Amino acid sequence: MRQLPFFLLLLPLLAACPAGVDCDTSAAYSANVTVLDENGDAIDDADVAYAVNGNVTDCDAVEGGWACGAEVAGEMTIIARKPGYFEATELLDIEQGECHVVAQDVTLQLELDPGQAR
């Protein structure tokens, strides 16, 4: 299979920049997610994903949390799960900025599920 030259992969990002605006070619994440337990302590081993139009995609683990959706604009649901806890979700409306999406910071708090063993 023939691969496209790298600069051709950047064309969609460059084409999205308004005339006269100096946009960079990096991609921005749509949501930065932190997950907390019932005591407000950070959970670093949760499963975090995002859903757009029914398609669910895992978020990328980054220092201090997760980053979700590279340049994904529109309605996005963030989902956090961990065994022994109830699932937590939040619906976001991610806006498209001049060059990149306008990222949102999200904190989800997982509550213990007394019916599940931890």
PDB file of N, CA and C in Angstrom:
ATOM      1  N   MET A   1       0.841  -1.181   0.000  1.00  0.00           N
ATOM      2  CA  MET A   1       0.000   0.000   0.000  1.00  0.00           C
ATOM      3  C   MET A   1       0.886   1.244   0.000  1.00  0.00           C
ATOM      4  N   ARG A   2       0.577   2.197  -0.813  1.00  0.00           N
ATOM      5  CA  ARG A   2       1.363   3.410  -0.955  1.00  0.00           C
ATOM      6  C   ARG A   2       0.927   4.436   0.085  1.00  0.00           C
ATOM      7  N   GLN A   3       1.908   5.028   0.780  1.00  0.00           N
ATOM      8  CA  GLN A   3       1.594   6.037   1.788  1.00  0.00           C
ATOM      9  C   GLN A   3       1.658   7.426   1.170  1.00  0.00           C
ATOM     10  N   LEU A   4       0.788   8.306   1.665  1.00  0.00           N
ATOM     11  CA  LEU A   4       0.781   9.681   1.205  1.00  0.00           C
ATOM     12  C   LEU A   4       1.938  10.441   1.841  1.00  0.00           C
ATOM     13  N   PRO A   5       2.513  11.403   1.127  1.00  0.00           N
ATOM     14  CA  PRO A   5       3.535  12.256   1.745  1.00  0.00           C
ATOM     15  C   PRO A   5       2.935  12.989   2.938  1.00  0.00           C
ATOM     16  N   PHE A   6       3.769  13.217   3.949  1.00  0.00           N
ATOM     17  CA  PHE A   6       3.316  13.833   5.188  1.00  0.00           C
ATOM     18  C   PHE A   6       2.598  15.166   4.954  1.00  0.00           C
ATOM     19  N   PHE A   7       3.120  16.007   4.067  1.00  0.00           N
ATOM     20  CA  PHE A   7       2.516  17.323   3.875  1.00  0.00           C
ATOM     21  C   PHE A   7       1.085  17.220   3.348  1.00  0.00           C
ATOM     22  N   LEU A   8       0.739  16.153   2.645  1.00  0.00           N
ATOM     23  CA  LEU A   8      -0.644  15.988   2.171  1.00  0.00           C
ATOM     24  C   LEU A   8      -1.596  15.715   3.328  1.00  0.00           C
ATOM     25  N   LEU A   9      -1.089  15.088   4.394  1.00  0.00           N
ATOM     26  CA  LEU A   9      -1.923  14.838   5.565  1.00  0.00           C
ATOM     27  C   LEU A   9      -2.252  16.132   6.300  1.00  0.00           C
ATOM     28  N   LEU A  10      -1.418  17.155   6.125  1.00  0.00           N
ATOM     29  CA  LEU A  10      -1.648  18.437   6.794  1.00  0.00           C
ATOM     30  C   LEU A  10      -2.603  19.341   6.033  1.00  0.00           C
ATOM     31  N   LEU A  11      -2.877  19.042   4.776  1.00  0.00           N
ATOM     32  CA  LEU A  11      -3.736  19.911   3.971  1.00  0.00           C
ATOM     33  C   LEU A  11      -5.097  20.183   4.590  1.00  0.00           C
ATOM     34  N   PRO A  12      -5.780  19.176   5.159  1.00  0.00           N
ATOM     35  CA  PRO A  12      -7.084  19.492   5.765  1.00  0.00           C
ATOM     36  C   PRO A  12      -6.973  20.528   6.887  1.00  0.00           C
ATOM     37  N   LEU A  13      -5.913  20.460   7.682  1.00  0.00           N
ATOM     38  CA  LEU A  13      -5.738  21.443   8.751  1.00  0.00           C
ATOM     39  C   LEU A  13      -5.426  22.819   8.179  1.00  0.00           C
ATOM     40  N   LEU A  14      -4.567  22.854   7.180  1.00  0.00           N
ATOM     41  CA  LEU A  14      -4.210  24.131   6.580  1.00  0.00           C
ATOM     42  C   LEU A  14      -5.390  24.752   5.846  1.00  0.00           C
ATOM     43  N   ALA A  15      -6.191  23.932   5.187  1.00  0.00           N
ATOM     44  CA  ALA A  15      -7.342  24.437   4.443  1.00  0.00           C
ATOM     45  C   ALA A  15      -8.402  25.004   5.375  1.00  0.00           C
ATOM     46  N   ALA A  16      -8.441  24.541   6.635  1.00  0.00           N
ATOM     47  CA  ALA A  16      -9.448  25.001   7.588  1.00  0.00           C
ATOM     48  C   ALA A  16      -9.104  26.360   8.185  1.00  0.00           C
ATOM     49  N   CYS A  17      -7.882  26.850   7.972  1.00  0.00           N
ATOM     50  CA  CYS A  17      -7.480  28.138   8.532  1.00  0.00           C
ATOM     51  C   CYS A  17      -8.047  29.279   7.701  1.00  0.00           C
ATOM     52  N   PRO A  18      -8.646  30.275   8.361  1.00  0.00           N
ATOM     53  CA  PRO A  18      -9.187  31.419   7.633  1.00  0.00           C
ATOM     54  C   PRO A  18      -8.067  32.230   6.976  1.00  0.00           C
ATOM     55  N   ALA A  19      -8.386  32.909   5.898  1.00  0.00           N
ATOM     56  CA  ALA A  19      -7.406  33.739   5.195  1.00  0.00           C
ATOM     57  C   ALA A  19      -6.882  34.801   6.152  1.00  0.00           C
ATOM     58  N   GLY A  20      -5.581  34.996   6.127  1.00  0.00           N
ATOM     59  CA  GLY A  20      -4.961  36.018   6.954  1.00  0.00           C
ATOM     60  C   GLY A  20      -4.691  35.596   8.385  1.00  0.00           C
ATOM     61  N   VAL A  21      -5.059  34.383   8.758  1.00  0.00           N
ATOM     62  CA  VAL A  21      -4.811  33.898  10.113  1.00  0.00           C
ATOM     63  C   VAL A  21      -3.666  32.906  10.052  1.00  0.00           C
ATOM     64  N   ASP A  22      -2.689  33.057  10.935  1.00  0.00           N
ATOM     65  CA  ASP A  22      -1.519  32.193  10.953  1.00  0.00           C
ATOM     66  C   ASP A  22      -1.783  31.019  11.901  1.00  0.00           C
ATOM     67  N   CYS A  23      -2.330  29.925  11.370  1.00  0.00           N
ATOM     68  CA  CYS A  23      -2.623  28.737  12.175  1.00  0.00           C
ATOM     69  C   CYS A  23      -1.441  27.781  12.121  1.00  0.00           C
ATOM     70  N   ASP A  24      -1.225  27.056  13.212  1.00  0.00           N
ATOM     71  CA  ASP A  24      -0.190  26.025  13.179  1.00  0.00           C
ATOM     72  C   ASP A  24      -0.812  24.719  12.705  1.00  0.00           C
ATOM     73  N   THR A  25       0.015  23.730  12.473  1.00  0.00           N
ATOM     74  CA  THR A  25      -0.467  22.461  11.911  1.00  0.00           C
ATOM     75  C   THR A  25      -0.682  21.396  12.973  1.00  0.00           C
ATOM     76  N   SER A  26      -0.537  21.751  14.246  1.00  0.00           N
ATOM     77  CA  SER A  26      -0.761  20.762  15.293  1.00  0.00           C
ATOM     78  C   SER A  26      -2.262  20.552  15.491  1.00  0.00           C
ATOM     79  N   ALA A  27      -2.604  19.392  16.012  1.00  0.00           N
ATOM     80  CA  ALA A  27      -4.008  19.096  16.312  1.00  0.00           C
ATOM     81  C   ALA A  27      -4.262  19.374  17.790  1.00  0.00           C
ATOM     82  N   ALA A  28      -5.430  19.895  18.109  1.00  0.00           N
ATOM     83  CA  ALA A  28      -5.803  20.175  19.491  1.00  0.00           C
ATOM     84  C   ALA A  28      -6.817  19.140  19.960  1.00  0.00           C
ATOM     85  N   TYR A  29      -6.675  18.710  21.201  1.00  0.00           N
ATOM     86  CA  TYR A  29      -7.679  17.814  21.777  1.00  0.00           C
ATOM     87  C   TYR A  29      -8.939  18.612  22.089  1.00  0.00           C
ATOM     88  N   SER A  30     -10.070  17.946  22.019  1.00  0.00           N
ATOM     89  CA  SER A  30     -11.360  18.586  22.260  1.00  0.00           C
ATOM     90  C   SER A  30     -11.699  18.672  23.743  1.00  0.00           C
ATOM     91  N   ALA A  31     -11.279  17.670  24.526  1.00  0.00           N
ATOM     92  CA  ALA A  31     -11.592  17.654  25.953  1.00  0.00           C
ATOM     93  C   ALA A  31     -10.410  17.115  26.744  1.00  0.00           C
ATOM     94  N   ASN A  32     -10.164  17.753  27.881  1.00  0.00           N
ATOM     95  CA  ASN A  32      -9.149  17.308  28.841  1.00  0.00           C
ATOM     96  C   ASN A  32      -9.906  16.838  30.075  1.00  0.00           C
ATOM     97  N   VAL A  33      -9.724  15.563  30.429  1.00  0.00           N
ATOM     98  CA  VAL A  33     -10.576  14.940  31.439  1.00  0.00           C
ATOM     99  C   VAL A  33      -9.777  14.537  32.676  1.00  0.00           C
ATOM    100  N   THR A  34     -10.350  14.843  33.837  1.00  0.00           N
ATOM    101  CA  THR A  34      -9.842  14.382  35.121  1.00  0.00           C
ATOM    102  C   THR A  34     -10.940  13.530  35.748  1.00  0.00           C
ATOM    103  N   VAL A  35     -10.555  12.407  36.347  1.00  0.00           N
ATOM    104  CA  VAL A  35     -11.524  11.527  37.002  1.00  0.00           C
ATOM    105  C   VAL A  35     -11.173  11.456  38.486  1.00  0.00           C
ATOM    106  N   LEU A  36     -12.196  11.669  39.331  1.00  0.00           N
ATOM    107  CA  LEU A  36     -12.027  11.645  40.776  1.00  0.00           C
ATOM    108  C   LEU A  36     -12.879  10.554  41.393  1.00  0.00           C
ATOM    109  N   ASP A  37     -12.465  10.078  42.571  1.00  0.00           N
ATOM    110  CA  ASP A  37     -13.288   9.104  43.296  1.00  0.00           C
ATOM    111  C   ASP A  37     -14.260   9.856  44.200  1.00  0.00           C
ATOM    112  N   GLU A  38     -14.996   9.114  45.028  1.00  0.00           N
ATOM    113  CA  GLU A  38     -16.033   9.707  45.872  1.00  0.00           C
ATOM    114  C   GLU A  38     -15.463  10.681  46.903  1.00  0.00           C
ATOM    115  N   ASN A  39     -14.150  10.572  47.192  1.00  0.00           N
ATOM    116  CA  ASN A  39     -13.503  11.466  48.161  1.00  0.00           C
ATOM    117  C   ASN A  39     -12.824  12.658  47.494  1.00  0.00           C
ATOM    118  N   GLY A  40     -12.904  12.733  46.176  1.00  0.00           N
ATOM    119  CA  GLY A  40     -12.254  13.814  45.457  1.00  0.00           C
ATOM    120  C   GLY A  40     -10.802  13.546  45.115  1.00  0.00           C
ATOM    121  N   ASP A  41     -10.343  12.289  45.323  1.00  0.00           N
ATOM    122  CA  ASP A  41      -8.975  11.916  44.972  1.00  0.00           C
ATOM    123  C   ASP A  41      -8.913  11.480  43.513  1.00  0.00           C
ATOM    124  N   ALA A  42      -7.826  11.811  42.854  1.00  0.00           N
ATOM    125  CA  ALA A  42      -7.667  11.465  41.436  1.00  0.00           C
ATOM    126  C   ALA A  42      -7.622   9.956  41.238  1.00  0.00           C
ATOM    127  N   ILE A  43      -8.293   9.500  40.194  1.00  0.00           N
ATOM    128  CA  ILE A  43      -8.247   8.097  39.773  1.00  0.00           C
ATOM    129  C   ILE A  43      -7.461   8.070  38.469  1.00  0.00           C
ATOM    130  N   ASP A  44      -6.387   7.294  38.442  1.00  0.00           N
ATOM    131  CA  ASP A  44      -5.570   7.272  37.226  1.00  0.00           C
ATOM    132  C   ASP A  44      -5.719   5.981  36.426  1.00  0.00           C
ATOM    133  N   ASP A  45      -6.573   5.066  36.896  1.00  0.00           N
ATOM    134  CA  ASP A  45      -6.722   3.789  36.190  1.00  0.00           C
ATOM    135  C   ASP A  45      -8.166   3.536  35.728  1.00  0.00           C
ATOM    136  N   ALA A  46      -8.911   4.601  35.524  1.00  0.00           N
ATOM    137  CA  ALA A  46     -10.275   4.462  34.989  1.00  0.00           C
ATOM    138  C   ALA A  46     -10.195   4.234  33.478  1.00  0.00           C
ATOM    139  N   ASP A  47     -11.283   3.767  32.903  1.00  0.00           N
ATOM    140  CA  ASP A  47     -11.419   3.673  31.453  1.00  0.00           C
ATOM    141  C   ASP A  47     -12.202   4.900  31.015  1.00  0.00           C
ATOM    142  N   VAL A  48     -11.585   5.719  30.160  1.00  0.00           N
ATOM    143  CA  VAL A  48     -12.222   6.958  29.721  1.00  0.00           C
ATOM    144  C   VAL A  48     -12.336   6.927  28.203  1.00  0.00           C
ATOM    145  N   ALA A  49     -13.531   7.259  27.716  1.00  0.00           N
ATOM    146  CA  ALA A  49     -13.799   7.260  26.280  1.00  0.00           C
ATOM    147  C   ALA A  49     -14.705   8.441  25.957  1.00  0.00           C
ATOM    148  N   TYR A  50     -14.885   8.684  24.653  1.00  0.00           N
ATOM    149  CA  TYR A  50     -15.825   9.711  24.226  1.00  0.00           C
ATOM    150  C   TYR A  50     -16.680   9.144  23.104  1.00  0.00           C
ATOM    151  N   ALA A  51     -17.912   9.651  23.010  1.00  0.00           N
ATOM    152  CA  ALA A  51     -18.847   9.199  21.979  1.00  0.00           C
ATOM    153  C   ALA A  51     -19.310  10.395  21.164  1.00  0.00           C
ATOM    154  N   VAL A  52     -19.276  10.220  19.841  1.00  0.00           N
ATOM    155  CA  VAL A  52     -19.779  11.217  18.899  1.00  0.00           C
ATOM    156  C   VAL A  52     -20.592  10.458  17.861  1.00  0.00           C
ATOM    157  N   ASN A  53     -21.850  10.844  17.697  1.00  0.00           N
ATOM    158  CA  ASN A  53     -22.744  10.185  16.730  1.00  0.00           C
ATOM    159  C   ASN A  53     -22.787   8.675  16.907  1.00  0.00           C
ATOM    160  N   GLY A  54     -22.772   8.215  18.143  1.00  0.00           N
ATOM    161  CA  GLY A  54     -22.869   6.791  18.428  1.00  0.00           C
ATOM    162  C   GLY A  54     -21.569   6.023  18.337  1.00  0.00           C
ATOM    163  N   ASN A  55     -20.502   6.653  17.865  1.00  0.00           N
ATOM    164  CA  ASN A  55     -19.197   5.994  17.780  1.00  0.00           C
ATOM    165  C   ASN A  55     -18.404   6.292  19.044  1.00  0.00           C
ATOM    166  N   VAL A  56     -17.975   5.224  19.728  1.00  0.00           N
ATOM    167  CA  VAL A  56     -17.223   5.376  20.975  1.00  0.00           C
ATOM    168  C   VAL A  56     -15.743   5.132  20.699  1.00  0.00           C
ATOM    169  N   THR A  57     -14.905   6.050  21.204  1.00  0.00           N
ATOM    170  CA  THR A  57     -13.462   5.981  21.001  1.00  0.00           C
ATOM    171  C   THR A  57     -12.765   6.200  22.338  1.00  0.00           C
ATOM    172  N   ASP A  58     -11.723   5.413  22.616  1.00  0.00           N
ATOM    173  CA  ASP A  58     -10.957   5.593  23.842  1.00  0.00           C
ATOM    174  C   ASP A  58     -10.216   6.927  23.814  1.00  0.00           C
ATOM    175  N   CYS A  59     -10.110   7.542  24.977  1.00  0.00           N
ATOM    176  CA  CYS A  59      -9.322   8.762  25.115  1.00  0.00           C
ATOM    177  C   CYS A  59      -7.871   8.378  25.370  1.00  0.00           C
ATOM    178  N   ASP A  60      -6.972   9.300  25.115  1.00  0.00           N
ATOM    179  CA  ASP A  60      -5.542   9.069  25.323  1.00  0.00           C
ATOM    180  C   ASP A  60      -5.173   9.433  26.751  1.00  0.00           C
ATOM    181  N   ALA A  61      -4.474   8.509  27.439  1.00  0.00           N
ATOM    182  CA  ALA A  61      -3.980   8.804  28.780  1.00  0.00           C
ATOM    183  C   ALA A  61      -2.832   9.798  28.656  1.00  0.00           C
ATOM    184  N   VAL A  62      -2.901  10.859  29.435  1.00  0.00           N
ATOM    185  CA  VAL A  62      -1.854  11.881  29.477  1.00  0.00           C
ATOM    186  C   VAL A  62      -1.547  12.156  30.944  1.00  0.00           C
ATOM    187  N   GLU A  63      -0.475  12.870  31.203  1.00  0.00           N
ATOM    188  CA  GLU A  63      -0.134  13.182  32.580  1.00  0.00           C
ATOM    189  C   GLU A  63      -1.280  13.944  33.242  1.00  0.00           C
ATOM    190  N   GLY A  64      -1.789  13.398  34.323  1.00  0.00           N
ATOM    191  CA  GLY A  64      -2.862  14.052  35.062  1.00  0.00           C
ATOM    192  C   GLY A  64      -4.268  13.757  34.576  1.00  0.00           C
ATOM    193  N   GLY A  65      -4.434  12.875  33.591  1.00  0.00           N
ATOM    194  CA  GLY A  65      -5.784  12.551  33.140  1.00  0.00           C
ATOM    195  C   GLY A  65      -5.827  11.956  31.752  1.00  0.00           C
ATOM    196  N   TRP A  66      -6.797  12.422  30.957  1.00  0.00           N
ATOM    197  CA  TRP A  66      -7.020  11.902  29.614  1.00  0.00           C
ATOM    198  C   TRP A  66      -7.302  13.058  28.669  1.00  0.00           C
ATOM    199  N   ALA A  67      -6.927  12.846  27.403  1.00  0.00           N
ATOM    200  CA  ALA A  67      -7.212  13.815  26.347  1.00  0.00           C
ATOM    201  C   ALA A  67      -8.091  13.109  25.323  1.00  0.00           C
ATOM    202  N   CYS A  68      -9.169  13.767  24.934  1.00  0.00           N
ATOM    203  CA  CYS A  68     -10.168  13.121  24.082  1.00  0.00           C
ATOM    204  C   CYS A  68     -10.409  13.907  22.799  1.00  0.00           C
ATOM    205  N   GLY A  69     -10.480  13.193  21.685  1.00  0.00           N
ATOM    206  CA  GLY A  69     -10.922  13.732  20.411  1.00  0.00           C
ATOM    207  C   GLY A  69     -10.041  14.798  19.801  1.00  0.00           C
ATOM    208  N   ALA A  70      -9.138  14.421  18.934  1.00  0.00           N
ATOM    209  CA  ALA A  70      -8.292  15.408  18.253  1.00  0.00           C
ATOM    210  C   ALA A  70      -9.100  16.140  17.189  1.00  0.00           C
ATOM    211  N   GLU A  71      -9.322  17.431  17.425  1.00  0.00           N
ATOM    212  CA  GLU A  71     -10.050  18.308  16.491  1.00  0.00           C
ATOM    213  C   GLU A  71     -11.475  17.828  16.207  1.00  0.00           C
ATOM    214  N   VAL A  72     -12.145  17.282  17.219  1.00  0.00           N
ATOM    215  CA  VAL A  72     -13.530  16.836  17.069  1.00  0.00           C
ATOM    216  C   VAL A  72     -14.442  17.935  17.609  1.00  0.00           C
ATOM    217  N   ALA A  73     -15.254  18.523  16.736  1.00  0.00           N
ATOM    218  CA  ALA A  73     -16.196  19.564  17.146  1.00  0.00           C
ATOM    219  C   ALA A  73     -17.607  18.985  17.162  1.00  0.00           C
ATOM    220  N   GLY A  74     -18.498  19.616  17.934  1.00  0.00           N
ATOM    221  CA  GLY A  74     -19.889  19.184  18.012  1.00  0.00           C
ATOM    222  C   GLY A  74     -20.195  18.542  19.347  1.00  0.00           C
ATOM    223  N   GLU A  75     -21.316  17.815  19.404  1.00  0.00           N
ATOM    224  CA  GLU A  75     -21.722  17.161  20.649  1.00  0.00           C
ATOM    225  C   GLU A  75     -20.855  15.944  20.917  1.00  0.00           C
ATOM    226  N   MET A  76     -20.314  15.894  22.116  1.00  0.00           N
ATOM    227  CA  MET A  76     -19.427  14.814  22.526  1.00  0.00           C
ATOM    228  C   MET A  76     -19.815  14.398  23.937  1.00  0.00           C
ATOM    229  N   THR A  77     -19.968  13.088  24.160  1.00  0.00           N
ATOM    230  CA  THR A  77     -20.235  12.580  25.496  1.00  0.00           C
ATOM    231  C   THR A  77     -18.958  11.943  26.025  1.00  0.00           C
ATOM    232  N   ILE A  78     -18.528  12.383  27.205  1.00  0.00           N
ATOM    233  CA  ILE A  78     -17.367  11.799  27.872  1.00  0.00           C
ATOM    234  C   ILE A  78     -17.881  10.730  28.827  1.00  0.00           C
ATOM    235  N   ILE A  79     -17.230   9.568  28.829  1.00  0.00           N
ATOM    236  CA  ILE A  79     -17.659   8.423  29.636  1.00  0.00           C
ATOM    237  C   ILE A  79     -16.474   7.933  30.459  1.00  0.00           C
ATOM    238  N   ALA A  80     -16.665   7.798  31.786  1.00  0.00           N
ATOM    239  CA  ALA A  80     -15.622   7.252  32.660  1.00  0.00           C
ATOM    240  C   ALA A  80     -16.186   6.038  33.386  1.00  0.00           C
ATOM    241  N   ARG A  81     -15.386   4.970  33.416  1.00  0.00           N
ATOM    242  CA  ARG A  81     -15.804   3.724  34.065  1.00  0.00           C
ATOM    243  C   ARG A  81     -14.643   3.152  34.873  1.00  0.00           C
ATOM    244  N   LYS A  82     -14.997   2.486  35.964  1.00  0.00           N
ATOM    245  CA  LYS A  82     -14.029   1.733  36.747  1.00  0.00           C
ATOM    246  C   LYS A  82     -14.811   0.683  37.524  1.00  0.00           C
ATOM    247  N   PRO A  83     -14.312  -0.573  37.551  1.00  0.00           N
ATOM    248  CA  PRO A  83     -15.013  -1.610  38.311  1.00  0.00           C
ATOM    249  C   PRO A  83     -15.223  -1.173  39.768  1.00  0.00           C
ATOM    250  N   GLY A  84     -16.426  -1.432  40.274  1.00  0.00           N
ATOM    251  CA  GLY A  84     -16.771  -1.066  41.639  1.00  0.00           C
ATOM    252  C   GLY A  84     -17.394   0.315  41.765  1.00  0.00           C
ATOM    253  N   TYR A  85     -17.510   1.032  40.639  1.00  0.00           N
ATOM    254  CA  TYR A  85     -18.064   2.377  40.631  1.00  0.00           C
ATOM    255  C   TYR A  85     -19.174   2.476  39.594  1.00  0.00           C
ATOM    256  N   PHE A  86     -20.093   3.408  39.819  1.00  0.00           N
ATOM    257  CA  PHE A  86     -21.083   3.730  38.799  1.00  0.00           C
ATOM    258  C   PHE A  86     -20.394   4.502  37.679  1.00  0.00           C
ATOM    259  N   GLU A  87     -20.861   4.322  36.459  1.00  0.00           N
ATOM    260  CA  GLU A  87     -20.349   5.065  35.313  1.00  0.00           C
ATOM    261  C   GLU A  87     -20.700   6.546  35.466  1.00  0.00           C
ATOM    262  N   ALA A  88     -19.814   7.414  35.016  1.00  0.00           N
ATOM    263  CA  ALA A  88     -20.078   8.854  35.019  1.00  0.00           C
ATOM    264  C   ALA A  88     -19.966   9.359  33.585  1.00  0.00           C
ATOM    265  N   THR A  89     -20.870  10.260  33.197  1.00  0.00           N
ATOM    266  CA  THR A  89     -20.847  10.823  31.847  1.00  0.00           C
ATOM    267  C   THR A  89     -21.076  12.327  31.912  1.00  0.00           C
ATOM    268  N   GLU A  90     -20.642  12.994  30.864  1.00  0.00           N
ATOM    269  CA  GLU A  90     -20.945  14.417  30.713  1.00  0.00           C
ATOM    270  C   GLU A  90     -21.040  14.736  29.233  1.00  0.00           C
ATOM    271  N   LEU A  91     -22.086  15.479  28.882  1.00  0.00           N
ATOM    272  CA  LEU A  91     -22.298  15.904  27.505  1.00  0.00           C
ATOM    273  C   LEU A  91     -21.655  17.268  27.302  1.00  0.00           C
ATOM    274  N   LEU A  92     -20.848  17.386  26.250  1.00  0.00           N
ATOM    275  CA  LEU A  92     -20.166  18.639  25.924  1.00  0.00           C
ATOM    276  C   LEU A  92     -20.584  19.095  24.539  1.00  0.00           C
ATOM    277  N   ASP A  93     -20.519  20.398  24.322  1.00  0.00           N
ATOM    278  CA  ASP A  93     -20.699  20.949  22.991  1.00  0.00           C
ATOM    279  C   ASP A  93     -19.377  21.636  22.645  1.00  0.00           C
ATOM    280  N   ILE A  94     -18.566  20.976  21.848  1.00  0.00           N
ATOM    281  CA  ILE A  94     -17.237  21.462  21.493  1.00  0.00           C
ATOM    282  C   ILE A  94     -17.350  22.387  20.285  1.00  0.00           C
ATOM    283  N   GLU A  95     -16.880  23.610  20.440  1.00  0.00           N
ATOM    284  CA  GLU A  95     -16.951  24.594  19.361  1.00  0.00           C
ATOM    285  C   GLU A  95     -15.685  24.569  18.512  1.00  0.00           C
ATOM    286  N   GLN A  96     -15.849  24.883  17.234  1.00  0.00           N
ATOM    287  CA  GLN A  96     -14.715  25.029  16.324  1.00  0.00           C
ATOM    288  C   GLN A  96     -14.242  26.474  16.408  1.00  0.00           C
ATOM    289  N   GLY A  97     -12.980  26.685  16.745  1.00  0.00           N
ATOM    290  CA  GLY A  97     -12.407  28.023  16.793  1.00  0.00           C
ATOM    291  C   GLY A  97     -11.880  28.416  15.420  1.00  0.00           C
ATOM    292  N   GLU A  98     -11.135  29.517  15.356  1.00  0.00           N
ATOM    293  CA  GLU A  98     -10.581  29.972  14.084  1.00  0.00           C
ATOM    294  C   GLU A  98      -9.671  28.932  13.446  1.00  0.00           C
ATOM    295  N   CYS A  99      -8.824  28.309  14.260  1.00  0.00           N
ATOM    296  CA  CYS A  99      -7.857  27.338  13.732  1.00  0.00           C
ATOM    297  C   CYS A  99      -8.074  25.932  14.295  1.00  0.00           C
ATOM    298  N   HIS A 100      -8.456  25.856  15.545  1.00  0.00           N
ATOM    299  CA  HIS A 100      -8.609  24.573  16.229  1.00  0.00           C
ATOM    300  C   HIS A 100      -9.894  24.574  17.044  1.00  0.00           C
ATOM    301  N   VAL A 101     -10.271  23.387  17.519  1.00  0.00           N
ATOM    302  CA  VAL A 101     -11.417  23.319  18.419  1.00  0.00           C
ATOM    303  C   VAL A 101     -11.083  24.065  19.705  1.00  0.00           C
ATOM    304  N   VAL A 102     -12.124  24.515  20.393  1.00  0.00           N
ATOM    305  CA  VAL A 102     -11.960  25.169  21.683  1.00  0.00           C
ATOM    306  C   VAL A 102     -12.097  24.088  22.742  1.00  0.00           C
ATOM    307  N   ALA A 103     -10.967  23.681  23.301  1.00  0.00           N
ATOM    308  CA  ALA A 103     -10.935  22.560  24.254  1.00  0.00           C
ATOM    309  C   ALA A 103     -11.689  22.904  25.528  1.00  0.00           C
ATOM    310  N   GLN A 104     -12.295  21.869  26.119  1.00  0.00           N
ATOM    311  CA  GLN A 104     -12.981  22.022  27.398  1.00  0.00           C
ATOM    312  C   GLN A 104     -12.326  21.115  28.426  1.00  0.00           C
ATOM    313  N   ASP A 105     -12.235  21.616  29.661  1.00  0.00           N
ATOM    314  CA  ASP A 105     -11.748  20.816  30.776  1.00  0.00           C
ATOM    315  C   ASP A 105     -12.952  20.218  31.484  1.00  0.00           C
ATOM    316  N   VAL A 106     -12.872  18.915  31.765  1.00  0.00           N
ATOM    317  CA  VAL A 106     -13.989  18.191  32.360  1.00  0.00           C
ATOM    318  C   VAL A 106     -13.486  17.394  33.560  1.00  0.00           C
ATOM    319  N   THR A 107     -14.227  17.448  34.658  1.00  0.00           N
ATOM    320  CA  THR A 107     -13.930  16.607  35.817  1.00  0.00           C
ATOM    321  C   THR A 107     -15.140  15.727  36.069  1.00  0.00           C
ATOM    322  N   LEU A 108     -14.915  14.415  36.048  1.00  0.00           N
ATOM    323  CA  LEU A 108     -15.976  13.450  36.340  1.00  0.00           C
ATOM    324  C   LEU A 108     -15.675  12.796  37.680  1.00  0.00           C
ATOM    325  N   GLN A 109     -16.705  12.675  38.519  1.00  0.00           N
ATOM    326  CA  GLN A 109     -16.537  12.038  39.817  1.00  0.00           C
ATOM    327  C   GLN A 109     -17.280  10.712  39.812  1.00  0.00           C
ATOM    328  N   LEU A 110     -16.535   9.630  40.086  1.00  0.00           N
ATOM    329  CA  LEU A 110     -17.130   8.299  40.141  1.00  0.00           C
ATOM    330  C   LEU A 110     -17.614   8.030  41.562  1.00  0.00           C
ATOM    331  N   GLU A 111     -18.825   7.502  41.662  1.00  0.00           N
ATOM    332  CA  GLU A 111     -19.417   7.144  42.952  1.00  0.00           C
ATOM    333  C   GLU A 111     -19.359   5.636  43.132  1.00  0.00           C
ATOM    334  N   LEU A 112     -19.052   5.203  44.349  1.00  0.00           N
ATOM    335  CA  LEU A 112     -18.989   3.773  44.645  1.00  0.00           C
ATOM    336  C   LEU A 112     -20.322   3.109  44.375  1.00  0.00           C
ATOM    337  N   ASP A 113     -20.258   1.910  43.805  1.00  0.00           N
ATOM    338  CA  ASP A 113     -21.439   1.077  43.602  1.00  0.00           C
ATOM    339  C   ASP A 113     -21.413   0.012  44.679  1.00  0.00           C
ATOM    340  N   PRO A 114     -22.247   0.144  45.718  1.00  0.00           N
ATOM    341  CA  PRO A 114     -22.192  -0.804  46.842  1.00  0.00           C
ATOM    342  C   PRO A 114     -22.517  -2.239  46.432  1.00  0.00           C
ATOM    343  N   GLY A 115     -23.154  -2.427  45.302  1.00  0.00           N
ATOM    344  CA  GLY A 115     -23.500  -3.762  44.834  1.00  0.00           C
ATOM    345  C   GLY A 115     -22.363  -4.464  44.111  1.00  0.00           C
ATOM    346  N   GLN A 116     -21.257  -3.770  43.879  1.00  0.00           N
ATOM    347  CA  GLN A 116     -20.120  -4.341  43.149  1.00  0.00           C
ATOM    348  C   GLN A 116     -18.906  -4.433  44.061  1.00  0.00           C
ATOM    349  N   ALA A 117     -18.176  -5.510  43.916  1.00  0.00           N
ATOM    350  CA  ALA A 117     -16.933  -5.655  44.673  1.00  0.00           C
ATOM    351  C   ALA A 117     -15.844  -4.837  43.975  1.00  0.00           C
ATOM    352  N   ARG A 118     -14.964  -4.237  44.749  1.00  0.00           N
ATOM    353  CA  ARG A 118     -13.846  -3.460  44.185  1.00  0.00           C
ATOM    354  C   ARG A 118     -12.627  -4.252  44.029  1.00  0.00           C
TER     355      ARG A 118
END
